[in-house]
Amino acid sequence: DFMSHAMCMTAAASDARMAGCTLPAMSNSGSGNQGITVTMPIIAYSQLYKISEEQLARALVLGHLIAIHIKGYLGKLSALCGCVVASTGAACGLVYLRGGSYEQVCYSIKNMIGNITGMVCDGAKVSCAAKIASSIDASMMAHYLAIRGKVYADSGIIQDSVDRTISSVGHIGRVGMKETDKDIIREML
C-alpha cells in the first residue's frame, strides 16, 4: 500500500545515505536526511497515483518551503530531530497532492507537531532510517486526518493558529531542549 511504499522508500534512502552511498540527495535546511524525508513520500505518492510533473513539483516546493519555514524557528542546531520538521513538510505536500485546502495543510502541520515533537537527535547514523520511518508513519496519519477535517486543536502545545503552533515547537527545540542537547552529547562521549 501507499503508506508502506512511502515508508520503505524513505527509510531505504536514508539508510543508504548513512551507510555511505555516494548518490546525490536533495538537501533541506542543510541536511540530506531532511531532504530525503520531505521528498521521498511525495515522490512515492506521485509514482503510485500518476501525478503530473507540475503537481509533483508544486507539492515538493510546498513541502520543502514549509520544512524550511519551521526549521527557521529552531535555529541552526537543535536536539529536536530534523525528521520531525521534514516529515511535517512531507505531510503538507501530500495534503496538496490529494487536493487539500490551505486550512487542511494547516491542520496537517498541527497534527504533526502535536504527535511527534519530542523526538531527539543523537547524531547522524544508520538508525536515523528508523526515526525517519516513524516520522513518515506520523505524516501519513497527520495528512489523512487533515484531509478529513480532523485536527488536534488547542491541545498541549497546539495553539489557535498554525503560526503560533510553529513558534511553540521552535521555542521548545531552540530553548527548551538546550539542556537535552548537552545531555545527549555527554551520553555519546
N, C-alpha and C. Protein backbone atom coordinates (compact mmCIF):
# COMPACT_ATOMS: atom_id res chain seq x y z
N ASP A 1 0.83 -1.18 0.00
CA ASP A 1 0.00 0.00 0.00
C ASP A 1 0.88 1.25 0.00
N PHE A 2 0.23 2.39 -0.16
CA PHE A 2 0.99 3.64 -0.26
C PHE A 2 1.83 3.91 0.98
N MET A 3 1.25 3.70 2.16
CA MET A 3 1.98 4.00 3.39
C MET A 3 3.25 3.16 3.49
N SER A 4 3.14 1.89 3.25
CA SER A 4 4.32 1.01 3.31
C SER A 4 5.34 1.40 2.25
N HIS A 5 4.86 1.70 1.06
CA HIS A 5 5.74 2.09 -0.03
C HIS A 5 6.51 3.37 0.31
N ALA A 6 5.80 4.36 0.83
CA ALA A 6 6.44 5.64 1.19
C ALA A 6 7.44 5.46 2.32
N MET A 7 7.07 4.70 3.35
CA MET A 7 7.98 4.46 4.47
C MET A 7 9.23 3.71 4.02
N CYS A 8 9.04 2.67 3.20
CA CYS A 8 10.18 1.87 2.74
C CYS A 8 11.12 2.68 1.86
N MET A 9 10.57 3.43 0.92
CA MET A 9 11.41 4.24 0.03
C MET A 9 12.22 5.27 0.83
N THR A 10 11.57 5.93 1.76
CA THR A 10 12.21 6.99 2.52
C THR A 10 13.26 6.43 3.47
N ALA A 11 12.92 5.38 4.21
CA ALA A 11 13.88 4.77 5.14
C ALA A 11 15.06 4.16 4.38
N ALA A 12 14.80 3.53 3.24
CA ALA A 12 15.89 2.94 2.45
C ALA A 12 16.85 4.00 1.94
N ALA A 13 16.31 5.13 1.51
CA ALA A 13 17.17 6.22 1.02
C ALA A 13 18.04 6.76 2.16
N SER A 14 17.46 6.93 3.34
CA SER A 14 18.23 7.40 4.49
C SER A 14 19.28 6.37 4.90
N ASP A 15 18.88 5.11 4.95
CA ASP A 15 19.80 4.04 5.33
C ASP A 15 20.99 4.00 4.39
N ALA A 16 20.73 4.10 3.10
CA ALA A 16 21.82 4.10 2.11
C ALA A 16 22.72 5.31 2.31
N ARG A 17 22.13 6.45 2.54
CA ARG A 17 22.93 7.67 2.74
C ARG A 17 23.80 7.55 3.98
N MET A 18 23.24 7.06 5.08
CA MET A 18 24.00 6.94 6.33
C MET A 18 25.08 5.86 6.24
N ALA A 19 24.89 4.91 5.34
CA ALA A 19 25.89 3.85 5.14
C ALA A 19 26.99 4.26 4.17
N GLY A 20 26.89 5.47 3.62
CA GLY A 20 27.96 5.98 2.76
C GLY A 20 27.69 5.94 1.27
N CYS A 21 26.47 5.68 0.86
CA CYS A 21 26.12 5.69 -0.56
C CYS A 21 26.48 7.04 -1.16
N THR A 22 27.08 7.02 -2.32
CA THR A 22 27.56 8.27 -2.93
C THR A 22 26.54 8.91 -3.88
N LEU A 23 25.34 8.38 -3.96
CA LEU A 23 24.33 9.00 -4.81
C LEU A 23 23.90 10.33 -4.21
N PRO A 24 23.56 11.31 -5.06
CA PRO A 24 23.13 12.61 -4.53
C PRO A 24 21.76 12.53 -3.86
N ALA A 25 21.55 13.41 -2.90
CA ALA A 25 20.25 13.52 -2.22
C ALA A 25 19.88 14.98 -2.14
N MET A 26 18.60 15.25 -2.30
CA MET A 26 18.11 16.61 -2.12
C MET A 26 18.28 17.00 -0.66
N SER A 27 18.83 18.17 -0.42
CA SER A 27 19.04 18.64 0.95
C SER A 27 17.92 19.59 1.34
N ASN A 28 17.61 19.63 2.63
CA ASN A 28 16.69 20.62 3.17
C ASN A 28 17.29 21.13 4.46
N SER A 29 17.41 22.43 4.57
CA SER A 29 17.99 23.06 5.76
C SER A 29 19.38 22.52 6.06
N GLY A 30 20.13 22.21 5.03
CA GLY A 30 21.50 21.73 5.18
C GLY A 30 21.63 20.25 5.47
N SER A 31 20.56 19.50 5.43
CA SER A 31 20.58 18.08 5.78
C SER A 31 20.05 17.22 4.64
N GLY A 32 20.85 16.24 4.25
CA GLY A 32 20.40 15.28 3.24
C GLY A 32 19.26 14.42 3.74
N ASN A 33 19.33 13.98 5.00
CA ASN A 33 18.24 13.16 5.54
C ASN A 33 16.94 13.94 5.60
N GLN A 34 17.01 15.22 5.93
CA GLN A 34 15.78 16.01 5.95
C GLN A 34 15.23 16.18 4.53
N GLY A 35 16.13 16.38 3.58
CA GLY A 35 15.69 16.47 2.19
C GLY A 35 15.02 15.19 1.71
N ILE A 36 15.62 14.06 2.07
CA ILE A 36 15.05 12.75 1.73
C ILE A 36 13.67 12.59 2.37
N THR A 37 13.55 13.02 3.62
CA THR A 37 12.30 12.85 4.37
C THR A 37 11.17 13.69 3.79
N VAL A 38 11.48 14.88 3.31
CA VAL A 38 10.44 15.69 2.66
C VAL A 38 10.09 15.11 1.30
N THR A 39 11.10 14.72 0.55
CA THR A 39 10.95 14.39 -0.86
C THR A 39 10.34 13.02 -1.15
N MET A 40 10.85 11.98 -0.51
CA MET A 40 10.51 10.62 -0.92
C MET A 40 9.03 10.24 -0.75
N PRO A 41 8.35 10.62 0.33
CA PRO A 41 6.91 10.27 0.40
C PRO A 41 6.09 10.92 -0.70
N ILE A 42 6.46 12.14 -1.06
CA ILE A 42 5.74 12.85 -2.12
C ILE A 42 6.00 12.17 -3.46
N ILE A 43 7.24 11.76 -3.69
CA ILE A 43 7.56 11.03 -4.92
C ILE A 43 6.84 9.68 -4.94
N ALA A 44 6.82 8.99 -3.80
CA ALA A 44 6.13 7.69 -3.72
C ALA A 44 4.67 7.84 -4.11
N TYR A 45 4.02 8.89 -3.60
CA TYR A 45 2.61 9.13 -3.94
C TYR A 45 2.47 9.39 -5.44
N SER A 46 3.36 10.20 -5.98
CA SER A 46 3.26 10.53 -7.41
C SER A 46 3.47 9.30 -8.28
N GLN A 47 4.30 8.37 -7.85
CA GLN A 47 4.53 7.15 -8.62
C GLN A 47 3.31 6.23 -8.61
N LEU A 48 2.69 6.12 -7.45
CA LEU A 48 1.55 5.21 -7.33
C LEU A 48 0.28 5.76 -7.95
N TYR A 49 0.13 7.09 -7.94
CA TYR A 49 -1.13 7.68 -8.38
C TYR A 49 -1.01 8.54 -9.63
N LYS A 50 0.04 8.38 -10.37
CA LYS A 50 0.20 9.03 -11.68
C LYS A 50 -0.05 10.54 -11.62
N ILE A 51 0.72 11.23 -10.82
CA ILE A 51 0.62 12.67 -10.64
C ILE A 51 1.43 13.36 -11.74
N SER A 52 0.93 14.47 -12.25
CA SER A 52 1.64 15.19 -13.30
C SER A 52 2.94 15.78 -12.73
N GLU A 53 3.88 16.07 -13.62
CA GLU A 53 5.15 16.67 -13.20
C GLU A 53 4.93 18.01 -12.53
N GLU A 54 3.99 18.80 -13.03
CA GLU A 54 3.72 20.10 -12.42
C GLU A 54 3.18 19.95 -11.00
N GLN A 55 2.23 19.04 -10.81
CA GLN A 55 1.69 18.81 -9.46
C GLN A 55 2.79 18.31 -8.52
N LEU A 56 3.63 17.41 -9.02
CA LEU A 56 4.73 16.89 -8.22
C LEU A 56 5.67 18.01 -7.81
N ALA A 57 6.03 18.85 -8.76
CA ALA A 57 6.93 19.97 -8.47
C ALA A 57 6.32 20.91 -7.43
N ARG A 58 5.04 21.21 -7.58
CA ARG A 58 4.37 22.10 -6.62
C ARG A 58 4.33 21.48 -5.22
N ALA A 59 4.04 20.20 -5.14
CA ALA A 59 3.99 19.52 -3.84
C ALA A 59 5.37 19.50 -3.19
N LEU A 60 6.41 19.26 -3.99
CA LEU A 60 7.77 19.25 -3.45
C LEU A 60 8.18 20.63 -2.95
N VAL A 61 7.86 21.65 -3.74
CA VAL A 61 8.18 23.03 -3.32
C VAL A 61 7.44 23.37 -2.02
N LEU A 62 6.16 23.05 -1.95
CA LEU A 62 5.39 23.33 -0.75
C LEU A 62 6.00 22.61 0.46
N GLY A 63 6.27 21.33 0.32
CA GLY A 63 6.83 20.55 1.41
C GLY A 63 8.17 21.09 1.89
N HIS A 64 9.05 21.40 0.93
CA HIS A 64 10.37 21.92 1.30
C HIS A 64 10.28 23.30 1.93
N LEU A 65 9.43 24.16 1.40
CA LEU A 65 9.31 25.51 1.97
C LEU A 65 8.73 25.48 3.38
N ILE A 66 7.76 24.62 3.61
CA ILE A 66 7.19 24.51 4.96
C ILE A 66 8.24 23.99 5.94
N ALA A 67 9.01 22.99 5.53
CA ALA A 67 10.07 22.47 6.40
C ALA A 67 11.11 23.55 6.69
N ILE A 68 11.49 24.31 5.69
CA ILE A 68 12.46 25.40 5.89
C ILE A 68 11.88 26.46 6.82
N HIS A 69 10.61 26.79 6.64
CA HIS A 69 9.96 27.79 7.50
C HIS A 69 9.97 27.34 8.96
N ILE A 70 9.58 26.11 9.21
CA ILE A 70 9.56 25.60 10.59
C ILE A 70 10.97 25.54 11.15
N LYS A 71 11.90 25.06 10.35
CA LYS A 71 13.30 24.96 10.80
C LYS A 71 13.85 26.33 11.19
N GLY A 72 13.40 27.38 10.55
CA GLY A 72 13.85 28.73 10.87
C GLY A 72 13.55 29.12 12.31
N TYR A 73 12.53 28.54 12.90
CA TYR A 73 12.19 28.81 14.29
C TYR A 73 13.08 28.03 15.27
N LEU A 74 13.74 26.99 14.78
CA LEU A 74 14.55 26.14 15.64
C LEU A 74 15.99 26.61 15.78
N GLY A 75 16.48 27.37 14.82
CA GLY A 75 17.89 27.74 14.83
C GLY A 75 18.72 26.70 14.09
N LYS A 76 20.04 26.92 14.06
CA LYS A 76 20.91 26.06 13.27
C LYS A 76 20.98 24.63 13.79
N LEU A 77 21.16 24.48 15.09
CA LEU A 77 21.23 23.15 15.68
C LEU A 77 20.24 23.05 16.82
N SER A 78 19.60 21.90 16.93
CA SER A 78 18.63 21.67 17.99
C SER A 78 18.68 20.20 18.34
N ALA A 79 18.34 19.88 19.57
CA ALA A 79 18.23 18.49 19.98
C ALA A 79 16.97 17.85 19.40
N LEU A 80 16.08 18.67 18.84
CA LEU A 80 14.89 18.15 18.19
C LEU A 80 15.29 17.53 16.85
N CYS A 81 14.93 16.28 16.64
CA CYS A 81 15.30 15.59 15.41
C CYS A 81 14.70 16.30 14.19
N GLY A 82 15.53 16.53 13.19
CA GLY A 82 15.10 17.23 11.98
C GLY A 82 14.05 16.49 11.19
N CYS A 83 13.92 15.18 11.40
CA CYS A 83 12.90 14.46 10.64
C CYS A 83 11.49 14.85 11.09
N VAL A 84 11.35 15.41 12.30
CA VAL A 84 10.06 15.91 12.75
C VAL A 84 9.61 17.04 11.83
N VAL A 85 10.52 17.96 11.57
CA VAL A 85 10.23 19.11 10.71
C VAL A 85 10.05 18.66 9.26
N ALA A 86 10.96 17.82 8.79
CA ALA A 86 10.93 17.39 7.39
C ALA A 86 9.67 16.57 7.08
N SER A 87 9.28 15.68 7.99
CA SER A 87 8.09 14.88 7.74
C SER A 87 6.82 15.73 7.80
N THR A 88 6.88 16.84 8.52
CA THR A 88 5.76 17.78 8.52
C THR A 88 5.62 18.39 7.13
N GLY A 89 6.74 18.76 6.52
CA GLY A 89 6.71 19.25 5.14
C GLY A 89 6.14 18.21 4.19
N ALA A 90 6.55 16.95 4.39
CA ALA A 90 6.04 15.86 3.53
C ALA A 90 4.53 15.73 3.69
N ALA A 91 4.04 15.79 4.91
CA ALA A 91 2.59 15.68 5.14
C ALA A 91 1.84 16.78 4.40
N CYS A 92 2.40 17.98 4.42
CA CYS A 92 1.75 19.11 3.72
C CYS A 92 1.75 18.90 2.21
N GLY A 93 2.85 18.40 1.68
CA GLY A 93 2.89 18.10 0.24
C GLY A 93 1.87 17.05 -0.14
N LEU A 94 1.67 16.07 0.73
CA LEU A 94 0.68 15.03 0.47
C LEU A 94 -0.74 15.58 0.52
N VAL A 95 -0.99 16.48 1.45
CA VAL A 95 -2.31 17.13 1.51
C VAL A 95 -2.57 17.84 0.18
N TYR A 96 -1.57 18.56 -0.31
CA TYR A 96 -1.71 19.27 -1.59
C TYR A 96 -2.02 18.28 -2.72
N LEU A 97 -1.26 17.18 -2.80
CA LEU A 97 -1.47 16.21 -3.89
C LEU A 97 -2.85 15.57 -3.83
N ARG A 98 -3.43 15.51 -2.67
CA ARG A 98 -4.76 14.92 -2.52
C ARG A 98 -5.86 15.96 -2.67
N GLY A 99 -5.49 17.17 -3.11
CA GLY A 99 -6.49 18.21 -3.37
C GLY A 99 -6.92 18.98 -2.14
N GLY A 100 -6.12 18.92 -1.09
CA GLY A 100 -6.46 19.59 0.15
C GLY A 100 -6.37 21.11 0.07
N SER A 101 -7.02 21.76 1.00
CA SER A 101 -7.06 23.21 1.07
C SER A 101 -5.93 23.75 1.94
N TYR A 102 -5.79 25.07 1.96
CA TYR A 102 -4.84 25.72 2.85
C TYR A 102 -5.14 25.35 4.31
N GLU A 103 -6.40 25.37 4.67
CA GLU A 103 -6.81 25.02 6.04
C GLU A 103 -6.38 23.59 6.37
N GLN A 104 -6.52 22.67 5.43
CA GLN A 104 -6.12 21.29 5.67
C GLN A 104 -4.61 21.14 5.77
N VAL A 105 -3.86 21.95 5.04
CA VAL A 105 -2.40 21.97 5.19
C VAL A 105 -2.05 22.42 6.61
N CYS A 106 -2.73 23.45 7.09
CA CYS A 106 -2.50 23.93 8.48
C CYS A 106 -2.86 22.85 9.49
N TYR A 107 -3.96 22.13 9.25
CA TYR A 107 -4.33 21.02 10.14
C TYR A 107 -3.21 19.97 10.17
N SER A 108 -2.65 19.70 9.01
CA SER A 108 -1.59 18.70 8.92
C SER A 108 -0.37 19.11 9.75
N ILE A 109 -0.01 20.38 9.69
CA ILE A 109 1.11 20.89 10.49
C ILE A 109 0.81 20.72 11.98
N LYS A 110 -0.38 21.12 12.40
CA LYS A 110 -0.75 20.99 13.81
C LYS A 110 -0.77 19.52 14.24
N ASN A 111 -1.28 18.64 13.39
CA ASN A 111 -1.33 17.22 13.72
C ASN A 111 0.07 16.64 13.89
N MET A 112 0.99 17.06 13.05
CA MET A 112 2.37 16.57 13.17
C MET A 112 3.03 17.09 14.44
N ILE A 113 2.90 18.38 14.69
CA ILE A 113 3.54 18.97 15.87
C ILE A 113 2.94 18.39 17.14
N GLY A 114 1.66 18.12 17.14
CA GLY A 114 1.02 17.52 18.30
C GLY A 114 1.39 16.06 18.53
N ASN A 115 1.94 15.43 17.51
CA ASN A 115 2.22 14.00 17.60
C ASN A 115 3.69 13.69 17.95
N ILE A 116 4.62 14.17 17.14
CA ILE A 116 6.00 13.66 17.31
C ILE A 116 7.00 14.71 17.73
N THR A 117 6.58 15.84 18.26
CA THR A 117 7.52 16.90 18.67
C THR A 117 8.50 16.43 19.72
N GLY A 118 8.77 15.55 20.27
CA GLY A 118 9.76 15.24 21.33
C GLY A 118 10.87 14.36 20.85
N MET A 119 10.86 13.94 19.59
CA MET A 119 11.91 13.05 19.09
C MET A 119 13.25 13.79 19.11
N VAL A 120 14.24 13.18 19.75
CA VAL A 120 15.54 13.85 19.88
C VAL A 120 16.52 13.37 18.82
N CYS A 121 17.47 14.23 18.53
CA CYS A 121 18.56 13.90 17.60
C CYS A 121 19.77 13.50 18.43
N ASP A 122 20.30 12.33 18.16
CA ASP A 122 21.52 11.90 18.82
C ASP A 122 22.60 11.60 17.79
N GLY A 123 22.66 12.45 16.78
CA GLY A 123 23.70 12.36 15.76
C GLY A 123 23.25 11.61 14.52
N ALA A 124 23.91 11.91 13.42
CA ALA A 124 23.62 11.25 12.15
C ALA A 124 24.22 9.85 12.17
N LYS A 125 23.39 8.85 11.93
CA LYS A 125 23.83 7.47 11.98
C LYS A 125 22.84 6.59 11.23
N VAL A 126 23.17 5.31 11.09
CA VAL A 126 22.33 4.39 10.33
C VAL A 126 20.93 4.29 10.93
N SER A 127 20.79 4.34 12.26
CA SER A 127 19.46 4.19 12.86
C SER A 127 18.55 5.40 12.60
N CYS A 128 19.07 6.44 11.96
CA CYS A 128 18.19 7.55 11.56
C CYS A 128 17.07 7.04 10.65
N ALA A 129 17.34 5.99 9.89
CA ALA A 129 16.32 5.44 8.99
C ALA A 129 15.08 5.00 9.77
N ALA A 130 15.27 4.46 10.98
CA ALA A 130 14.12 4.03 11.79
C ALA A 130 13.32 5.24 12.27
N LYS A 131 14.02 6.30 12.70
CA LYS A 131 13.31 7.51 13.12
C LYS A 131 12.55 8.12 11.94
N ILE A 132 13.16 8.10 10.80
CA ILE A 132 12.51 8.64 9.60
C ILE A 132 11.27 7.81 9.25
N ALA A 133 11.37 6.49 9.34
CA ALA A 133 10.20 5.64 9.06
C ALA A 133 9.07 5.98 10.04
N SER A 134 9.41 6.17 11.30
CA SER A 134 8.39 6.54 12.30
C SER A 134 7.77 7.89 11.97
N SER A 135 8.59 8.84 11.55
CA SER A 135 8.06 10.16 11.23
C SER A 135 7.20 10.13 9.97
N ILE A 136 7.53 9.27 9.03
CA ILE A 136 6.70 9.13 7.82
C ILE A 136 5.37 8.49 8.19
N ASP A 137 5.39 7.52 9.10
CA ASP A 137 4.14 6.94 9.60
C ASP A 137 3.26 8.04 10.19
N ALA A 138 3.87 8.91 11.00
CA ALA A 138 3.12 10.02 11.60
C ALA A 138 2.59 10.96 10.53
N SER A 139 3.38 11.21 9.47
CA SER A 139 2.91 12.12 8.42
C SER A 139 1.73 11.52 7.65
N MET A 140 1.70 10.20 7.53
CA MET A 140 0.55 9.55 6.88
C MET A 140 -0.71 9.80 7.70
N MET A 141 -0.61 9.57 9.01
CA MET A 141 -1.77 9.79 9.87
C MET A 141 -2.18 11.26 9.87
N ALA A 142 -1.20 12.16 9.98
CA ALA A 142 -1.50 13.59 10.04
C ALA A 142 -2.20 14.08 8.79
N HIS A 143 -1.72 13.66 7.63
CA HIS A 143 -2.36 14.17 6.41
C HIS A 143 -3.71 13.50 6.17
N TYR A 144 -3.87 12.22 6.53
CA TYR A 144 -5.19 11.58 6.40
C TYR A 144 -6.22 12.29 7.29
N LEU A 145 -5.82 12.57 8.53
CA LEU A 145 -6.72 13.28 9.44
C LEU A 145 -7.05 14.68 8.91
N ALA A 146 -6.04 15.37 8.41
CA ALA A 146 -6.25 16.73 7.89
C ALA A 146 -7.22 16.74 6.71
N ILE A 147 -7.06 15.79 5.81
CA ILE A 147 -7.96 15.70 4.65
C ILE A 147 -9.41 15.49 5.11
N ARG A 148 -9.57 14.79 6.22
CA ARG A 148 -10.91 14.54 6.76
C ARG A 148 -11.39 15.65 7.69
N GLY A 149 -10.60 16.74 7.78
CA GLY A 149 -11.00 17.88 8.59
C GLY A 149 -10.75 17.71 10.07
N LYS A 150 -9.92 16.74 10.44
CA LYS A 150 -9.63 16.49 11.85
C LYS A 150 -8.30 17.14 12.21
N VAL A 151 -8.28 17.79 13.39
CA VAL A 151 -7.07 18.47 13.84
C VAL A 151 -6.99 18.40 15.35
N TYR A 152 -5.77 18.26 15.85
CA TYR A 152 -5.55 18.33 17.31
C TYR A 152 -5.61 19.80 17.69
N ALA A 153 -6.79 20.30 17.95
CA ALA A 153 -6.98 21.74 18.19
C ALA A 153 -6.84 22.07 19.67
N ASP A 154 -6.11 23.17 19.94
CA ASP A 154 -5.97 23.69 21.29
C ASP A 154 -5.68 22.58 22.30
N SER A 155 -4.70 21.75 21.98
CA SER A 155 -4.34 20.62 22.81
C SER A 155 -2.84 20.60 23.01
N GLY A 156 -2.38 20.61 24.25
CA GLY A 156 -0.94 20.58 24.51
C GLY A 156 -0.27 21.82 23.94
N ILE A 157 0.72 21.63 23.09
CA ILE A 157 1.45 22.77 22.51
C ILE A 157 0.77 23.31 21.26
N ILE A 158 -0.33 22.71 20.85
CA ILE A 158 -1.06 23.19 19.67
C ILE A 158 -1.79 24.47 20.05
N GLN A 159 -1.53 25.52 19.30
CA GLN A 159 -2.12 26.84 19.56
C GLN A 159 -3.30 27.08 18.62
N ASP A 160 -3.96 28.21 18.79
CA ASP A 160 -5.12 28.54 17.95
C ASP A 160 -4.75 28.75 16.49
N SER A 161 -3.55 29.27 16.23
CA SER A 161 -3.13 29.48 14.84
C SER A 161 -1.94 28.60 14.51
N VAL A 162 -1.78 28.31 13.24
CA VAL A 162 -0.65 27.48 12.81
C VAL A 162 0.67 28.21 13.06
N ASP A 163 0.70 29.53 12.90
CA ASP A 163 1.93 30.29 13.14
C ASP A 163 2.36 30.21 14.60
N ARG A 164 1.41 30.33 15.51
CA ARG A 164 1.74 30.22 16.94
C ARG A 164 2.14 28.80 17.30
N THR A 165 1.57 27.82 16.63
CA THR A 165 1.95 26.42 16.87
C THR A 165 3.39 26.19 16.43
N ILE A 166 3.75 26.71 15.26
CA ILE A 166 5.12 26.58 14.77
C ILE A 166 6.08 27.31 15.71
N SER A 167 5.69 28.47 16.18
CA SER A 167 6.50 29.22 17.13
C SER A 167 6.72 28.42 18.42
N SER A 168 5.68 27.72 18.86
CA SER A 168 5.79 26.89 20.07
C SER A 168 6.82 25.79 19.90
N VAL A 169 6.74 25.08 18.79
CA VAL A 169 7.71 23.99 18.57
C VAL A 169 9.12 24.56 18.41
N GLY A 170 9.23 25.73 17.82
CA GLY A 170 10.53 26.39 17.69
C GLY A 170 11.11 26.72 19.05
N HIS A 171 10.27 27.24 19.93
CA HIS A 171 10.73 27.58 21.28
C HIS A 171 11.18 26.32 22.03
N ILE A 172 10.42 25.26 21.91
CA ILE A 172 10.78 24.00 22.58
C ILE A 172 12.11 23.48 22.06
N GLY A 173 12.28 23.48 20.75
CA GLY A 173 13.52 22.97 20.16
C GLY A 173 14.73 23.86 20.40
N ARG A 174 14.51 25.16 20.37
CA ARG A 174 15.62 26.12 20.49
C ARG A 174 15.99 26.40 21.94
N VAL A 175 15.00 26.58 22.79
CA VAL A 175 15.24 26.98 24.18
C VAL A 175 15.07 25.79 25.13
N GLY A 176 13.93 25.14 25.02
CA GLY A 176 13.61 24.07 25.97
C GLY A 176 14.52 22.86 25.91
N MET A 177 15.10 22.61 24.75
CA MET A 177 15.94 21.42 24.61
C MET A 177 17.44 21.72 24.69
N LYS A 178 17.81 22.90 25.15
CA LYS A 178 19.25 23.22 25.29
C LYS A 178 19.95 22.23 26.21
N GLU A 179 19.38 21.98 27.35
CA GLU A 179 19.99 21.04 28.30
C GLU A 179 19.95 19.61 27.75
N THR A 180 18.87 19.27 27.05
CA THR A 180 18.77 17.95 26.43
C THR A 180 19.93 17.73 25.47
N ASP A 181 20.23 18.75 24.67
CA ASP A 181 21.34 18.67 23.72
C ASP A 181 22.65 18.39 24.45
N LYS A 182 22.90 19.10 25.53
CA LYS A 182 24.13 18.89 26.31
C LYS A 182 24.16 17.48 26.90
N ASP A 183 23.03 17.00 27.41
CA ASP A 183 22.98 15.65 27.98
C ASP A 183 23.22 14.58 26.91
N ILE A 184 22.65 14.77 25.73
CA ILE A 184 22.87 13.81 24.64
C ILE A 184 24.35 13.74 24.30
N ILE A 185 25.00 14.89 24.19
CA ILE A 185 26.43 14.91 23.86
C ILE A 185 27.23 14.23 24.97
N ARG A 186 26.89 14.48 26.22
CA ARG A 186 27.58 13.82 27.34
C ARG A 186 27.43 12.31 27.25
N GLU A 187 26.23 11.84 26.97
CA GLU A 187 25.99 10.39 26.87
C GLU A 187 26.76 9.78 25.71
N MET A 188 26.82 10.50 24.58
CA MET A 188 27.52 9.99 23.40
C MET A 188 29.04 9.91 23.65
N LEU A 189 29.58 10.84 24.45
CA LEU A 189 31.01 10.86 24.73
C LEU A 189 31.34 9.87 25.85
